[in-house]
Amino acid sequence: MNLSNIKPAKGSVRTNKRLGRGVASGGGGTSTRGHKGAKSRSGYSRKIGFEGGQMPLQRRLPKFGFKPIDRTEYKAINLFAIQQLADAKDISVINVQTLIDAGMISKKQLVKVLANGEIKSKLEVEAHAFSKTAEAAIVAAGGSIKIIK
């Protein structure tokens, strides 16, 4: 084997269709594009969402909703989950690192404590935000809260 006798794999190379070269070629006249219309013209490209002149879907549906650019998204952690974690690990301080270690949140998430469930033990809870009822429930159980900035 040498450079003078290498060839591409069988079937991997095809000759180009020669369009518009007479009726006998099979691709003459309309160059396989059919008769008239935008698709037969050179330079045609269909716009995204074009539905043949019918009112497109994105214009039929109403616009709605608004998301402020500077919104803050919190991961909600309920009181029952905090109580379960405290019971399982036998700890009295629940902070962000404790929640990360338990797999309840990821490192980048902000935590907001919500009041679903109840607190039975005296806990010191650190989070980025608290609902008023969650805050009251923790303090009523003899615990304390700390808001992280």
N, C-alpha and C. Protein backbone atom coordinates (compact mmCIF):
# COMPACT_ATOMS: atom_id res chain seq x y z
N MET A 1 0.84 -1.18 0.00
CA MET A 1 0.00 0.00 0.00
C MET A 1 0.89 1.25 0.00
N ASN A 2 0.60 2.18 -0.88
CA ASN A 2 1.32 3.45 -0.89
C ASN A 2 0.37 4.57 -1.32
N LEU A 3 0.87 5.80 -1.39
CA LEU A 3 0.03 6.95 -1.69
C LEU A 3 -0.64 6.88 -3.05
N SER A 4 -0.09 6.15 -3.97
CA SER A 4 -0.67 6.11 -5.31
C SER A 4 -1.91 5.22 -5.42
N ASN A 5 -2.15 4.36 -4.43
CA ASN A 5 -3.31 3.48 -4.56
C ASN A 5 -4.30 3.55 -3.38
N ILE A 6 -4.27 4.62 -2.58
CA ILE A 6 -5.28 4.72 -1.51
C ILE A 6 -6.54 5.38 -2.08
N LYS A 7 -7.69 4.89 -1.66
CA LYS A 7 -8.97 5.39 -2.13
C LYS A 7 -9.90 5.56 -0.93
N PRO A 8 -10.90 6.45 -1.05
CA PRO A 8 -11.88 6.56 0.04
C PRO A 8 -12.71 5.28 0.14
N ALA A 9 -13.34 5.06 1.31
CA ALA A 9 -14.14 3.86 1.53
C ALA A 9 -15.29 3.81 0.53
N LYS A 10 -15.69 2.61 0.18
CA LYS A 10 -16.74 2.42 -0.82
C LYS A 10 -18.05 3.03 -0.30
N GLY A 11 -18.66 3.87 -1.13
CA GLY A 11 -19.93 4.50 -0.77
C GLY A 11 -19.81 5.78 0.03
N SER A 12 -18.59 6.20 0.38
CA SER A 12 -18.44 7.40 1.21
C SER A 12 -18.38 8.68 0.39
N VAL A 13 -18.09 8.59 -0.89
CA VAL A 13 -18.00 9.77 -1.74
C VAL A 13 -19.10 9.70 -2.80
N ARG A 14 -19.89 10.79 -2.90
CA ARG A 14 -20.96 10.84 -3.90
C ARG A 14 -20.73 12.05 -4.79
N THR A 15 -21.14 11.95 -6.04
CA THR A 15 -21.03 13.09 -6.94
C THR A 15 -22.19 14.05 -6.67
N ASN A 16 -21.95 15.34 -6.84
CA ASN A 16 -22.99 16.33 -6.61
C ASN A 16 -24.08 16.24 -7.66
N LYS A 17 -25.33 16.58 -7.27
CA LYS A 17 -26.41 16.68 -8.24
C LYS A 17 -26.16 17.95 -9.05
N ARG A 18 -26.20 17.84 -10.38
CA ARG A 18 -26.01 19.02 -11.22
C ARG A 18 -27.39 19.50 -11.63
N LEU A 19 -27.90 20.50 -10.93
CA LEU A 19 -29.26 20.97 -11.15
C LEU A 19 -29.31 22.01 -12.26
N GLY A 20 -30.46 22.05 -12.93
CA GLY A 20 -30.69 23.06 -13.97
C GLY A 20 -29.83 22.85 -15.21
N ARG A 21 -29.55 21.61 -15.56
CA ARG A 21 -28.71 21.32 -16.73
C ARG A 21 -29.50 20.58 -17.82
N GLY A 22 -30.76 20.94 -17.99
CA GLY A 22 -31.57 20.35 -19.05
C GLY A 22 -32.50 19.27 -18.55
N VAL A 23 -33.57 19.05 -19.30
CA VAL A 23 -34.61 18.09 -18.92
C VAL A 23 -34.06 16.68 -18.79
N ALA A 24 -33.16 16.28 -19.68
CA ALA A 24 -32.64 14.91 -19.70
C ALA A 24 -31.87 14.55 -18.43
N SER A 25 -31.32 15.55 -17.74
CA SER A 25 -30.53 15.27 -16.54
C SER A 25 -31.40 14.85 -15.35
N GLY A 26 -32.71 15.13 -15.43
CA GLY A 26 -33.61 14.79 -14.32
C GLY A 26 -33.74 15.91 -13.33
N GLY A 27 -32.83 16.88 -13.35
CA GLY A 27 -32.90 18.02 -12.43
C GLY A 27 -32.94 19.33 -13.18
N GLY A 28 -33.52 19.32 -14.39
CA GLY A 28 -33.58 20.52 -15.20
C GLY A 28 -34.84 21.31 -14.94
N GLY A 29 -35.02 22.40 -15.65
CA GLY A 29 -36.25 23.20 -15.56
C GLY A 29 -36.40 23.87 -14.22
N THR A 30 -37.10 23.23 -13.30
CA THR A 30 -37.35 23.83 -11.98
C THR A 30 -36.25 23.48 -10.98
N SER A 31 -35.27 22.74 -11.39
CA SER A 31 -34.16 22.32 -10.51
C SER A 31 -34.66 21.61 -9.26
N THR A 32 -35.65 20.78 -9.41
CA THR A 32 -36.25 19.94 -8.36
C THR A 32 -36.94 20.74 -7.25
N ARG A 33 -37.25 22.03 -7.53
CA ARG A 33 -37.87 22.86 -6.49
C ARG A 33 -39.38 22.98 -6.66
N GLY A 34 -39.97 22.32 -7.63
CA GLY A 34 -41.40 22.46 -7.86
C GLY A 34 -41.69 23.74 -8.63
N HIS A 35 -42.96 24.16 -8.67
CA HIS A 35 -43.34 25.33 -9.45
C HIS A 35 -43.67 26.51 -8.55
N LYS A 36 -43.10 27.65 -8.83
CA LYS A 36 -43.38 28.95 -8.20
C LYS A 36 -43.36 28.91 -6.66
N GLY A 37 -43.70 30.02 -6.07
CA GLY A 37 -43.75 30.13 -4.61
C GLY A 37 -42.40 30.48 -4.02
N ALA A 38 -42.43 30.91 -2.76
CA ALA A 38 -41.22 31.39 -2.08
C ALA A 38 -40.14 30.32 -2.02
N LYS A 39 -40.54 29.07 -1.83
CA LYS A 39 -39.54 28.00 -1.67
C LYS A 39 -38.78 27.70 -2.96
N SER A 40 -39.32 28.14 -4.09
CA SER A 40 -38.63 27.89 -5.36
C SER A 40 -37.60 28.98 -5.67
N ARG A 41 -37.66 30.10 -4.95
CA ARG A 41 -36.79 31.24 -5.26
C ARG A 41 -35.43 31.09 -4.58
N SER A 42 -34.43 31.73 -5.18
CA SER A 42 -33.12 31.74 -4.51
C SER A 42 -33.17 32.72 -3.36
N GLY A 43 -32.39 32.46 -2.32
CA GLY A 43 -32.35 33.37 -1.17
C GLY A 43 -33.45 33.14 -0.17
N TYR A 44 -34.29 32.12 -0.41
CA TYR A 44 -35.40 31.87 0.52
C TYR A 44 -34.89 31.25 1.80
N SER A 45 -35.35 31.78 2.93
CA SER A 45 -35.13 31.10 4.21
C SER A 45 -36.34 31.37 5.08
N ARG A 46 -36.94 30.32 5.59
CA ARG A 46 -38.15 30.45 6.39
C ARG A 46 -37.83 31.06 7.75
N LYS A 47 -38.61 32.04 8.15
CA LYS A 47 -38.40 32.66 9.46
C LYS A 47 -38.81 31.68 10.57
N ILE A 48 -38.14 31.76 11.70
CA ILE A 48 -38.47 30.90 12.84
C ILE A 48 -39.89 31.21 13.29
N GLY A 49 -40.71 30.19 13.41
CA GLY A 49 -42.09 30.37 13.87
C GLY A 49 -43.06 30.71 12.75
N PHE A 50 -42.60 30.79 11.49
CA PHE A 50 -43.50 31.11 10.38
C PHE A 50 -44.42 29.94 10.12
N GLU A 51 -45.72 30.23 9.99
CA GLU A 51 -46.70 29.16 9.80
C GLU A 51 -47.48 29.36 8.50
N GLY A 52 -46.80 29.80 7.45
CA GLY A 52 -47.43 29.92 6.14
C GLY A 52 -48.41 31.07 6.04
N GLY A 53 -48.24 32.09 6.84
CA GLY A 53 -49.15 33.24 6.79
C GLY A 53 -50.23 33.18 7.85
N GLN A 54 -50.46 31.99 8.42
CA GLN A 54 -51.38 31.87 9.55
C GLN A 54 -50.78 32.62 10.73
N MET A 55 -51.62 33.15 11.60
CA MET A 55 -51.13 33.88 12.77
C MET A 55 -50.29 32.92 13.62
N PRO A 56 -49.00 33.20 13.80
CA PRO A 56 -48.13 32.25 14.49
C PRO A 56 -48.47 32.09 15.98
N LEU A 57 -48.08 30.96 16.52
CA LEU A 57 -48.43 30.61 17.90
C LEU A 57 -47.98 31.66 18.90
N GLN A 58 -46.75 32.18 18.73
CA GLN A 58 -46.25 33.14 19.72
C GLN A 58 -47.00 34.46 19.67
N ARG A 59 -47.76 34.71 18.60
CA ARG A 59 -48.59 35.92 18.55
C ARG A 59 -50.03 35.63 18.95
N ARG A 60 -50.44 34.35 18.89
CA ARG A 60 -51.81 33.99 19.30
C ARG A 60 -51.94 33.96 20.81
N LEU A 61 -50.86 33.62 21.50
CA LEU A 61 -50.93 33.50 22.95
C LEU A 61 -50.65 34.85 23.61
N PRO A 62 -51.32 35.14 24.72
CA PRO A 62 -51.10 36.44 25.38
C PRO A 62 -49.77 36.48 26.12
N LYS A 63 -49.26 37.70 26.27
CA LYS A 63 -48.06 37.89 27.09
C LYS A 63 -48.51 37.97 28.54
N PHE A 64 -47.74 37.38 29.45
CA PHE A 64 -48.09 37.50 30.86
C PHE A 64 -46.87 37.28 31.72
N GLY A 65 -46.96 37.70 32.95
CA GLY A 65 -45.92 37.44 33.94
C GLY A 65 -44.81 38.45 33.92
N PHE A 66 -44.08 38.48 35.02
CA PHE A 66 -42.96 39.39 35.17
C PHE A 66 -42.04 38.82 36.24
N LYS A 67 -40.74 38.80 35.96
CA LYS A 67 -39.77 38.38 36.96
C LYS A 67 -38.76 39.49 37.13
N PRO A 68 -38.73 40.12 38.29
CA PRO A 68 -37.77 41.20 38.49
C PRO A 68 -36.33 40.68 38.41
N ILE A 69 -35.45 41.47 37.85
CA ILE A 69 -34.05 41.08 37.66
C ILE A 69 -33.36 40.85 39.00
N ASP A 70 -33.69 41.67 40.00
CA ASP A 70 -33.00 41.63 41.29
C ASP A 70 -33.72 40.75 42.32
N ARG A 71 -34.51 39.76 41.86
CA ARG A 71 -35.23 38.91 42.81
C ARG A 71 -34.25 38.02 43.60
N THR A 72 -34.65 37.64 44.79
CA THR A 72 -33.85 36.74 45.62
C THR A 72 -34.64 35.44 45.77
N GLU A 73 -34.04 34.34 45.38
CA GLU A 73 -34.72 33.05 45.49
C GLU A 73 -34.15 32.27 46.67
N TYR A 74 -35.05 31.77 47.52
CA TYR A 74 -34.65 31.02 48.70
C TYR A 74 -35.06 29.56 48.56
N LYS A 75 -34.30 28.69 49.20
CA LYS A 75 -34.69 27.28 49.32
C LYS A 75 -35.48 27.18 50.62
N ALA A 76 -36.71 26.72 50.53
CA ALA A 76 -37.58 26.65 51.71
C ALA A 76 -37.25 25.41 52.54
N ILE A 77 -37.01 25.62 53.82
CA ILE A 77 -36.79 24.52 54.77
C ILE A 77 -37.84 24.68 55.87
N ASN A 78 -38.63 23.63 56.08
CA ASN A 78 -39.70 23.70 57.08
C ASN A 78 -39.22 23.28 58.46
N LEU A 79 -39.99 23.67 59.48
CA LEU A 79 -39.63 23.38 60.86
C LEU A 79 -39.54 21.88 61.13
N PHE A 80 -40.44 21.08 60.52
CA PHE A 80 -40.40 19.64 60.77
C PHE A 80 -39.09 19.03 60.25
N ALA A 81 -38.56 19.57 59.15
CA ALA A 81 -37.30 19.06 58.61
C ALA A 81 -36.13 19.43 59.54
N ILE A 82 -36.19 20.62 60.11
CA ILE A 82 -35.15 21.05 61.05
C ILE A 82 -35.19 20.19 62.31
N GLN A 83 -36.41 19.90 62.80
CA GLN A 83 -36.56 19.05 63.99
C GLN A 83 -36.05 17.63 63.73
N GLN A 84 -36.37 17.09 62.54
CA GLN A 84 -35.89 15.74 62.18
C GLN A 84 -34.37 15.71 62.12
N LEU A 85 -33.77 16.76 61.53
CA LEU A 85 -32.32 16.84 61.44
C LEU A 85 -31.68 16.93 62.81
N ALA A 86 -32.27 17.74 63.69
CA ALA A 86 -31.74 17.89 65.04
C ALA A 86 -31.83 16.57 65.82
N ASP A 87 -32.93 15.84 65.65
CA ASP A 87 -33.10 14.55 66.33
C ASP A 87 -32.12 13.50 65.79
N ALA A 88 -31.95 13.47 64.46
CA ALA A 88 -31.10 12.46 63.84
C ALA A 88 -29.63 12.68 64.17
N LYS A 89 -29.18 13.92 64.12
CA LYS A 89 -27.76 14.24 64.36
C LYS A 89 -27.47 14.56 65.83
N ASP A 90 -28.53 14.72 66.64
CA ASP A 90 -28.40 15.06 68.07
C ASP A 90 -27.59 16.34 68.24
N ILE A 91 -28.06 17.42 67.59
CA ILE A 91 -27.39 18.72 67.66
C ILE A 91 -28.39 19.80 68.04
N SER A 92 -27.87 20.90 68.60
CA SER A 92 -28.75 22.00 69.00
C SER A 92 -28.54 23.26 68.16
N VAL A 93 -27.52 23.25 67.29
CA VAL A 93 -27.26 24.39 66.41
C VAL A 93 -27.47 23.94 64.96
N ILE A 94 -28.43 24.57 64.30
CA ILE A 94 -28.70 24.28 62.89
C ILE A 94 -28.26 25.51 62.09
N ASN A 95 -27.23 25.33 61.27
CA ASN A 95 -26.80 26.44 60.41
C ASN A 95 -26.75 25.96 58.96
N VAL A 96 -26.31 26.85 58.08
CA VAL A 96 -26.29 26.54 56.65
C VAL A 96 -25.37 25.34 56.37
N GLN A 97 -24.22 25.30 57.02
CA GLN A 97 -23.27 24.20 56.80
C GLN A 97 -23.87 22.86 57.21
N THR A 98 -24.65 22.84 58.29
CA THR A 98 -25.33 21.62 58.74
C THR A 98 -26.30 21.13 57.66
N LEU A 99 -27.04 22.08 57.06
CA LEU A 99 -28.01 21.74 56.02
C LEU A 99 -27.31 21.23 54.76
N ILE A 100 -26.15 21.83 54.43
CA ILE A 100 -25.38 21.39 53.27
C ILE A 100 -24.87 19.97 53.50
N ASP A 101 -24.33 19.71 54.70
CA ASP A 101 -23.82 18.38 55.03
C ASP A 101 -24.92 17.32 55.01
N ALA A 102 -26.14 17.73 55.37
CA ALA A 102 -27.28 16.80 55.38
C ALA A 102 -27.85 16.59 53.98
N GLY A 103 -27.37 17.38 52.99
CA GLY A 103 -27.84 17.25 51.62
C GLY A 103 -29.17 17.92 51.35
N MET A 104 -29.59 18.81 52.24
CA MET A 104 -30.88 19.49 52.07
C MET A 104 -30.79 20.69 51.14
N ILE A 105 -29.61 21.29 51.05
CA ILE A 105 -29.39 22.43 50.15
C ILE A 105 -28.02 22.29 49.50
N SER A 106 -27.79 23.09 48.46
CA SER A 106 -26.46 23.15 47.86
C SER A 106 -25.74 24.39 48.38
N LYS A 107 -24.46 24.49 48.10
CA LYS A 107 -23.64 25.57 48.66
C LYS A 107 -24.12 26.96 48.27
N LYS A 108 -24.64 27.11 47.05
CA LYS A 108 -25.00 28.44 46.55
C LYS A 108 -26.40 28.89 46.95
N GLN A 109 -27.23 27.99 47.50
CA GLN A 109 -28.61 28.34 47.80
C GLN A 109 -28.74 29.15 49.09
N LEU A 110 -29.70 30.07 49.08
CA LEU A 110 -30.05 30.82 50.29
C LEU A 110 -31.21 30.08 50.97
N VAL A 111 -31.25 30.14 52.30
CA VAL A 111 -32.22 29.36 53.06
C VAL A 111 -33.26 30.26 53.70
N LYS A 112 -34.53 29.87 53.56
CA LYS A 112 -35.60 30.53 54.30
C LYS A 112 -36.33 29.47 55.10
N VAL A 113 -36.49 29.71 56.40
CA VAL A 113 -37.16 28.77 57.28
C VAL A 113 -38.64 29.11 57.32
N LEU A 114 -39.48 28.09 57.02
CA LEU A 114 -40.93 28.26 57.02
C LEU A 114 -41.54 27.46 58.17
N ALA A 115 -42.79 27.77 58.52
CA ALA A 115 -43.38 27.27 59.76
C ALA A 115 -44.20 26.00 59.63
N ASN A 116 -43.98 25.18 58.62
CA ASN A 116 -44.72 23.93 58.49
C ASN A 116 -44.12 22.91 59.45
N GLY A 117 -44.92 22.40 60.38
CA GLY A 117 -44.42 21.47 61.39
C GLY A 117 -44.24 22.19 62.72
N GLU A 118 -43.59 21.49 63.65
CA GLU A 118 -43.37 22.13 64.96
C GLU A 118 -41.99 21.79 65.51
N ILE A 119 -41.52 22.67 66.39
CA ILE A 119 -40.22 22.49 67.03
C ILE A 119 -40.48 22.07 68.48
N LYS A 120 -39.86 20.97 68.87
CA LYS A 120 -40.04 20.48 70.24
C LYS A 120 -38.84 20.79 71.12
N SER A 121 -37.65 20.86 70.49
CA SER A 121 -36.44 21.07 71.27
C SER A 121 -35.92 22.50 71.13
N LYS A 122 -35.04 22.87 72.07
CA LYS A 122 -34.46 24.21 72.08
C LYS A 122 -33.33 24.23 71.05
N LEU A 123 -33.54 24.97 69.97
CA LEU A 123 -32.58 25.00 68.88
C LEU A 123 -32.11 26.42 68.57
N GLU A 124 -30.86 26.50 68.15
CA GLU A 124 -30.31 27.76 67.66
C GLU A 124 -30.24 27.63 66.13
N VAL A 125 -31.07 28.39 65.42
CA VAL A 125 -31.20 28.24 63.96
C VAL A 125 -30.63 29.46 63.26
N GLU A 126 -29.73 29.20 62.29
CA GLU A 126 -29.15 30.27 61.47
C GLU A 126 -29.62 30.09 60.04
N ALA A 127 -30.16 31.16 59.44
CA ALA A 127 -30.62 31.11 58.05
C ALA A 127 -30.62 32.51 57.47
N HIS A 128 -30.85 32.59 56.16
CA HIS A 128 -30.86 33.89 55.48
C HIS A 128 -32.17 34.64 55.68
N ALA A 129 -33.27 33.89 55.93
CA ALA A 129 -34.57 34.53 56.15
C ALA A 129 -35.47 33.58 56.94
N PHE A 130 -36.43 34.16 57.65
CA PHE A 130 -37.40 33.39 58.44
C PHE A 130 -38.79 33.96 58.19
N SER A 131 -39.80 33.08 58.14
CA SER A 131 -41.16 33.60 58.14
C SER A 131 -41.48 33.99 59.58
N LYS A 132 -42.44 34.90 59.76
CA LYS A 132 -42.76 35.40 61.11
C LYS A 132 -43.26 34.28 62.02
N THR A 133 -44.06 33.37 61.47
CA THR A 133 -44.59 32.27 62.29
C THR A 133 -43.50 31.26 62.65
N ALA A 134 -42.53 31.05 61.74
CA ALA A 134 -41.42 30.14 62.03
C ALA A 134 -40.55 30.74 63.13
N GLU A 135 -40.30 32.03 63.01
CA GLU A 135 -39.51 32.74 64.02
C GLU A 135 -40.18 32.63 65.39
N ALA A 136 -41.49 32.85 65.43
CA ALA A 136 -42.24 32.78 66.70
C ALA A 136 -42.21 31.38 67.28
N ALA A 137 -42.32 30.35 66.43
CA ALA A 137 -42.33 28.96 66.90
C ALA A 137 -40.98 28.56 67.49
N ILE A 138 -39.89 29.00 66.87
CA ILE A 138 -38.55 28.66 67.38
C ILE A 138 -38.31 29.34 68.72
N VAL A 139 -38.69 30.61 68.82
CA VAL A 139 -38.51 31.36 70.07
C VAL A 139 -39.42 30.79 71.16
N ALA A 140 -40.64 30.38 70.82
CA ALA A 140 -41.58 29.81 71.79
C ALA A 140 -41.07 28.49 72.35
N ALA A 141 -40.29 27.74 71.56
CA ALA A 141 -39.72 26.46 72.03
C ALA A 141 -38.46 26.68 72.86
N GLY A 142 -38.08 27.96 73.05
CA GLY A 142 -36.91 28.28 73.87
C GLY A 142 -35.63 28.45 73.06
N GLY A 143 -35.74 28.39 71.73
CA GLY A 143 -34.58 28.52 70.88
C GLY A 143 -34.31 29.96 70.48
N SER A 144 -33.36 30.13 69.58
CA SER A 144 -33.03 31.48 69.10
C SER A 144 -32.79 31.42 67.59
N ILE A 145 -32.95 32.58 66.96
CA ILE A 145 -32.68 32.65 65.52
C ILE A 145 -31.57 33.64 65.26
N LYS A 146 -30.89 33.42 64.13
CA LYS A 146 -29.83 34.34 63.69
C LYS A 146 -29.96 34.49 62.18
N ILE A 147 -30.12 35.73 61.72
CA ILE A 147 -30.25 36.00 60.29
C ILE A 147 -28.87 36.27 59.71
N ILE A 148 -28.53 35.51 58.67
CA ILE A 148 -27.24 35.65 57.99
C ILE A 148 -27.41 36.63 56.84
N LYS A 149 -26.46 37.48 56.64
CA LYS A 149 -26.52 38.43 55.51
C LYS A 149 -25.90 37.82 54.29
